């Protein structure tokens, strides 16, 4: 079932639900400039066998309102949007799974709205914490000294995004997915192309968004709240991760009180079919425990 939800004056979000309405709710929160369709059907369907799965388009993505140029907002507003979605669907508490920026927003929900969460799963995100990472040899490494984004991605992101038509934009997105994959699992360009064709059709245009890169990142540190966390939290470790490379996942697990760490072999910063089964199993095991 699809619907639109008003989350702020002049801002509406596209929302989709799967599964039975009386099952425990599971909210999927995607990354920066990513439509909710970025959660693959092959992942959504098995989750919906046990949950009321909710996915949505952030502001300035997909069918939701594209308003940043007229109504700038901080990134923290996107976490409040997630709460507004739950409110609109009459969901008191939900399991939340966030990827990339969605993983950062999930940490904001853990810190600021723990009473609304049954559990949290964080994938491919930096810790919103200033505590140092404690390495296996006992060294204490400040977060700013942990490994950065892979050079290939830095170079891609440094290029100006120019509109040369829908097919050129499609191929730009495919190459971006290739770099995000991390190089361990063979890249399926046709599958990435099909996904982006669906997203472009869903959105109604091919224009690349940049709102989330321009939004204010201030006010996102939650060191103290994460250290006091009581929400059951799962951290997915992706060994081929090019955006938040190891040991970022380990740092997350140390920064968030009581967090568990589960590795998905070969995974990068993407959701190819090879990771669907182990990722689904990890999420369902976690929500079942919670």
Protein backbone atom coordinates (compact mmCIF):
# COMPACT_ATOMS: atom_id res chain seq x y z
CA UNK A 1 0.00 0.00 0.00
CA UNK A 2 1.30 3.44 -0.95
CA UNK A 3 0.37 6.81 0.52
CA UNK A 4 1.72 10.30 1.14
CA UNK A 5 2.48 11.63 4.62
CA UNK A 6 2.75 15.30 5.59
CA UNK A 7 5.82 15.75 7.82
CA UNK A 8 6.27 19.54 7.76
CA UNK A 9 4.52 22.54 6.20
CA UNK A 10 4.69 22.04 2.45
CA UNK A 11 6.61 18.73 2.75
CA UNK A 12 5.06 15.35 1.89
CA UNK A 13 6.81 11.99 1.85
CA UNK A 14 5.97 8.96 -0.26
CA UNK A 15 5.49 5.92 1.98
CA UNK A 16 4.91 2.24 1.19
CA UNK A 17 3.83 -0.58 3.51
CA UNK A 18 4.22 -4.34 3.06
CA UNK A 19 3.11 -7.26 5.22
CA UNK A 20 0.23 -7.54 7.67
CA UNK A 21 -0.84 -4.52 9.69
CA UNK A 22 -0.75 -6.38 13.02
CA UNK A 23 2.85 -7.60 12.60
CA UNK A 24 5.67 -5.72 14.41
CA UNK A 25 6.57 -2.64 12.37
CA UNK A 26 9.98 -2.44 10.69
CA UNK A 27 11.03 0.93 9.28
CA UNK A 28 13.66 0.99 6.52
CA UNK A 29 15.67 4.23 6.31
CA UNK A 30 17.79 4.70 3.18
CA UNK A 31 20.92 6.77 2.61
CA UNK A 32 21.63 10.24 1.26
CA UNK A 33 19.79 11.17 -1.94
CA UNK A 34 18.42 7.62 -2.10
CA UNK A 35 14.82 6.69 -2.75
CA UNK A 36 13.13 4.07 -0.60
CA UNK A 37 13.25 1.87 -3.69
CA UNK A 38 16.94 1.50 -2.94
CA UNK A 39 15.85 -1.26 -0.55
CA UNK A 40 15.67 -4.20 -3.00
CA UNK A 41 12.47 -6.17 -3.41
CA UNK A 42 14.41 -9.35 -2.65
CA UNK A 43 15.20 -7.92 0.78
CA UNK A 44 11.84 -6.29 1.48
CA UNK A 45 9.72 -9.36 0.70
CA UNK A 46 11.27 -11.80 3.20
CA UNK A 47 11.26 -9.11 5.88
CA UNK A 48 7.55 -8.55 5.18
CA UNK A 49 6.80 -12.20 5.93
CA UNK A 50 7.39 -11.40 9.62
CA UNK A 51 6.99 -7.63 9.80
CA UNK A 52 4.89 -4.70 8.72
CA UNK A 53 7.66 -3.24 6.55
CA UNK A 54 7.62 0.50 5.92
CA UNK A 55 9.92 2.22 3.44
CA UNK A 56 9.76 5.81 2.27
CA UNK A 57 11.41 8.49 0.16
CA UNK A 58 13.35 11.14 2.09
CA UNK A 59 12.71 14.76 1.29
CA UNK A 60 14.33 15.67 -2.03
CA UNK A 61 14.26 12.07 -3.28
CA UNK A 62 11.81 9.98 -5.26
CA UNK A 63 8.16 11.04 -5.13
CA UNK A 64 8.57 13.07 -1.94
CA UNK A 65 8.67 16.88 -1.95
CA UNK A 66 11.84 18.37 -3.41
CA UNK A 67 12.02 21.56 -1.38
CA UNK A 68 15.57 22.17 -0.13
CA UNK A 69 16.30 25.16 -2.38
CA UNK A 70 13.21 26.96 -1.05
CA UNK A 71 13.17 25.44 2.46
CA UNK A 72 16.69 24.42 3.59
CA UNK A 73 16.80 22.02 6.54
CA UNK A 74 19.47 20.37 8.71
CA UNK A 75 20.09 16.64 8.41
CA UNK A 76 18.61 16.17 11.88
CA UNK A 77 15.24 17.05 10.34
CA UNK A 78 15.37 13.80 8.37
CA UNK A 79 15.38 11.84 11.63
CA UNK A 80 12.31 13.76 12.77
CA UNK A 81 10.71 12.88 9.43
CA UNK A 82 11.10 9.20 10.33
CA UNK A 83 9.23 9.80 13.58
CA UNK A 84 6.54 11.69 11.66
CA UNK A 85 6.11 8.68 9.35
CA UNK A 86 5.58 6.41 12.35
CA UNK A 87 3.10 8.90 13.81
CA UNK A 88 1.13 9.11 10.57
CA UNK A 89 0.87 5.32 10.39
CA UNK A 90 -0.14 5.03 14.07
CA UNK A 91 3.00 3.05 14.91
CA UNK A 92 3.96 3.46 18.56
CA UNK A 93 7.23 1.50 18.33
CA UNK A 94 9.16 -0.01 15.44
CA UNK A 95 12.28 -1.92 14.57
CA UNK A 96 14.44 0.50 12.54
CA UNK A 97 17.03 -0.49 9.93
CA UNK A 98 19.17 2.32 8.51
CA UNK A 99 21.84 2.27 5.82
CA UNK A 100 24.54 4.90 5.21
CA UNK A 101 22.99 8.29 6.10
CA UNK A 102 20.02 6.18 7.19
CA UNK A 103 22.34 4.52 9.71
CA UNK A 104 23.24 7.94 11.09
CA UNK A 105 19.56 8.86 11.31
CA UNK A 106 18.92 5.57 13.10
CA UNK A 107 21.52 6.57 15.70
CA UNK A 108 19.69 9.88 16.16
CA UNK A 109 16.48 7.93 16.78
CA UNK A 110 18.26 5.66 19.27
CA UNK A 111 19.56 8.71 21.10
CA UNK A 112 16.58 11.08 20.88
CA UNK A 113 13.53 8.79 20.60
CA UNK A 114 14.43 5.47 22.26
CA UNK A 115 10.84 5.01 23.40
CA UNK A 116 9.78 4.67 19.74
CA UNK A 117 12.22 1.86 18.89
CA UNK A 118 11.88 -1.88 19.42
CA UNK A 119 15.38 -2.37 18.00
CA UNK A 120 17.92 -0.69 15.74
CA UNK A 121 20.12 -2.04 12.95
CA UNK A 122 22.89 0.18 11.55
CA UNK A 123 24.59 -0.48 8.20
CA UNK A 124 27.47 1.47 6.61
CA UNK A 125 27.52 4.51 8.89
CA UNK A 126 29.96 6.51 10.99
CA UNK A 127 29.40 6.60 14.73
CA UNK A 128 27.79 9.80 15.97
CA UNK A 129 30.25 9.69 18.83
CA UNK A 130 33.57 11.23 19.74
CA UNK A 131 34.79 8.27 21.81
CA UNK A 132 38.02 6.77 20.46
CA UNK A 133 38.14 3.38 18.80
CA UNK A 134 40.00 0.85 20.95
CA UNK A 135 42.05 -1.33 18.59
CA UNK A 136 42.78 -5.01 19.33
CA UNK A 137 46.28 -4.02 20.46
CA UNK A 138 44.84 -1.53 22.94
CA UNK A 139 45.63 1.63 20.96
CA UNK A 140 42.99 4.38 21.28
CA UNK A 141 42.30 5.92 17.87
CA UNK A 142 40.29 9.16 17.60
CA UNK A 143 37.35 8.85 15.16
CA UNK A 144 38.85 11.46 12.84
CA UNK A 145 41.92 9.24 12.39
CA UNK A 146 39.97 6.16 11.27
CA UNK A 147 40.26 5.25 7.56
CA UNK A 148 38.45 7.57 5.18
CA UNK A 149 36.42 7.11 2.01
CA UNK A 150 38.09 5.10 -0.77
CA UNK A 151 40.01 7.30 -3.27
CA UNK A 152 37.90 6.07 -6.21
CA UNK A 153 34.75 7.37 -4.53
CA UNK A 154 36.39 10.64 -3.51
CA UNK A 155 37.33 11.19 -7.16
CA UNK A 156 33.79 10.34 -8.35
CA UNK A 157 32.22 12.67 -5.81
CA UNK A 158 34.58 15.49 -6.78
CA UNK A 159 33.27 15.55 -10.36
CA UNK A 160 30.56 18.12 -11.12
CA UNK A 161 27.21 16.44 -11.81
CA UNK A 162 26.00 17.80 -15.13
CA UNK A 163 22.74 16.99 -16.88
CA UNK A 164 23.54 15.28 -20.18
CA UNK A 165 20.19 13.53 -20.42
CA UNK A 166 18.59 10.48 -18.83
CA UNK A 167 20.85 7.83 -20.36
CA UNK A 168 24.04 9.61 -19.31
CA UNK A 169 22.64 10.05 -15.80
CA UNK A 170 21.72 6.37 -15.71
CA UNK A 171 25.27 5.34 -16.60
CA UNK A 172 26.70 7.75 -14.01
CA UNK A 173 24.61 6.06 -11.34
CA UNK A 174 25.68 2.60 -12.49
CA UNK A 175 29.35 3.55 -12.17
CA UNK A 176 28.64 4.96 -8.74
CA UNK A 177 27.13 1.63 -7.65
CA UNK A 178 30.18 -0.15 -9.05
CA UNK A 179 32.45 1.92 -6.80
CA UNK A 180 30.16 1.51 -3.79
CA UNK A 181 30.18 -2.26 -4.17
CA UNK A 182 33.71 -2.56 -2.83
CA UNK A 183 35.08 -4.95 -5.45
CA UNK A 184 34.76 -8.30 -3.64
CA UNK A 185 31.32 -9.39 -4.88
CA UNK A 186 31.21 -9.33 -8.72
CA UNK A 187 29.36 -6.23 -9.90
CA UNK A 188 26.12 -6.77 -11.83
CA UNK A 189 25.80 -3.66 -14.01
CA UNK A 190 22.55 -4.82 -15.59
CA UNK A 191 20.89 -5.21 -12.20
CA UNK A 192 22.11 -1.78 -11.07
CA UNK A 193 20.84 -0.28 -14.33
CA UNK A 194 17.41 -1.91 -13.92
CA UNK A 195 17.16 -0.62 -10.34
CA UNK A 196 17.99 2.93 -11.37
CA UNK A 197 15.53 2.80 -14.29
CA UNK A 198 12.81 1.90 -11.78
CA UNK A 199 13.89 4.72 -9.46
CA UNK A 200 13.87 7.26 -12.32
CA UNK A 201 10.40 6.09 -13.39
CA UNK A 202 9.23 6.22 -9.77
CA UNK A 203 10.65 9.73 -9.29
CA UNK A 204 9.28 11.06 -12.57
CA UNK A 205 12.56 12.59 -13.69
CA UNK A 206 16.26 11.73 -13.92
CA UNK A 207 17.74 14.82 -12.24
CA UNK A 208 20.37 14.14 -9.60
CA UNK A 209 19.69 15.58 -6.17
CA UNK A 210 22.29 17.21 -3.93
CA UNK A 211 20.20 18.48 -1.00
CA UNK A 212 21.56 16.05 1.56
CA UNK A 213 25.14 16.94 0.68
CA UNK A 214 24.32 20.63 1.15
CA UNK A 215 22.27 20.26 4.34
CA UNK A 216 23.73 21.34 7.68
CA UNK A 217 25.45 18.43 9.47
CA UNK A 218 25.72 20.34 12.77
CA UNK A 219 24.19 19.04 15.96
CA UNK A 220 24.51 15.32 15.23
CA UNK A 221 26.96 14.26 17.95
CA UNK A 222 25.25 11.89 20.40
CA UNK A 223 28.25 10.55 22.34
CA UNK A 224 26.64 10.55 25.78
CA UNK A 225 23.24 9.26 24.68
CA UNK A 226 24.73 6.36 22.68
CA UNK A 227 26.92 5.42 25.64
CA UNK A 228 23.73 5.10 27.74
CA UNK A 229 21.78 3.25 25.04
CA UNK A 230 19.15 0.67 26.03
CA UNK A 231 17.71 -0.04 22.56
CA UNK A 232 18.81 -3.49 21.29
CA UNK A 233 21.22 -2.52 18.52
CA UNK A 234 22.82 -4.55 15.72
CA UNK A 235 25.80 -3.28 13.73
CA UNK A 236 26.40 -4.85 10.31
CA UNK A 237 30.09 -5.19 9.54
CA UNK A 238 30.88 -5.00 5.80
CA UNK A 239 34.51 -5.99 5.15
CA UNK A 240 34.60 -4.46 1.65
CA UNK A 241 32.99 -1.20 2.78
CA UNK A 242 34.52 1.75 0.79
CA UNK A 243 32.65 4.62 2.51
CA UNK A 244 33.09 3.65 6.17
CA UNK A 245 35.87 1.05 5.91
CA UNK A 246 36.87 -1.23 8.78
CA UNK A 247 37.13 -0.63 11.66
CA UNK A 248 34.21 1.86 11.54
CA UNK A 249 31.67 -0.87 12.29
CA UNK A 250 33.76 -2.02 15.25
CA UNK A 251 33.94 1.59 16.46
CA UNK A 252 30.14 1.83 16.21
CA UNK A 253 29.76 -1.33 18.27
CA UNK A 254 32.02 0.16 20.94
CA UNK A 255 30.32 3.58 20.93
CA UNK A 256 26.76 2.26 21.25
CA UNK A 257 26.17 0.58 24.60
CA UNK A 258 25.23 -3.08 24.27
CA UNK A 259 25.51 -3.21 20.47
CA UNK A 260 26.16 -6.55 18.72
CA UNK A 261 28.33 -6.90 15.61
CA UNK A 262 27.56 -9.29 12.73
CA UNK A 263 29.71 -9.52 9.58
CA UNK A 264 28.21 -10.05 6.13
CA UNK A 265 31.03 -11.54 4.01
CA UNK A 266 32.01 -9.60 0.89
CA UNK A 267 29.61 -6.74 1.55
CA UNK A 268 30.48 -3.19 0.57
CA UNK A 269 28.27 -0.09 0.63
CA UNK A 270 25.57 -1.63 -1.52
CA UNK A 271 22.92 -4.35 -1.47
CA UNK A 272 23.68 -6.86 -4.27
CA UNK A 273 21.75 -10.11 -4.31
CA UNK A 274 24.67 -12.00 -2.73
CA UNK A 275 24.14 -10.20 0.59
CA UNK A 276 20.34 -10.48 0.74
CA UNK A 277 20.14 -13.86 2.46
CA UNK A 278 22.77 -13.26 5.18
CA UNK A 279 21.59 -9.69 5.76
CA UNK A 280 17.94 -10.76 6.02
CA UNK A 281 18.90 -13.56 8.41
CA UNK A 282 20.87 -11.15 10.62
CA UNK A 283 18.05 -8.59 10.73
CA UNK A 284 15.34 -11.16 11.47
CA UNK A 285 17.46 -12.85 14.13
CA UNK A 286 17.95 -9.45 15.74
CA UNK A 287 14.28 -8.38 15.60
CA UNK A 288 13.31 -11.82 16.89
CA UNK A 289 15.60 -11.46 19.90
CA UNK A 290 14.18 -8.02 20.60
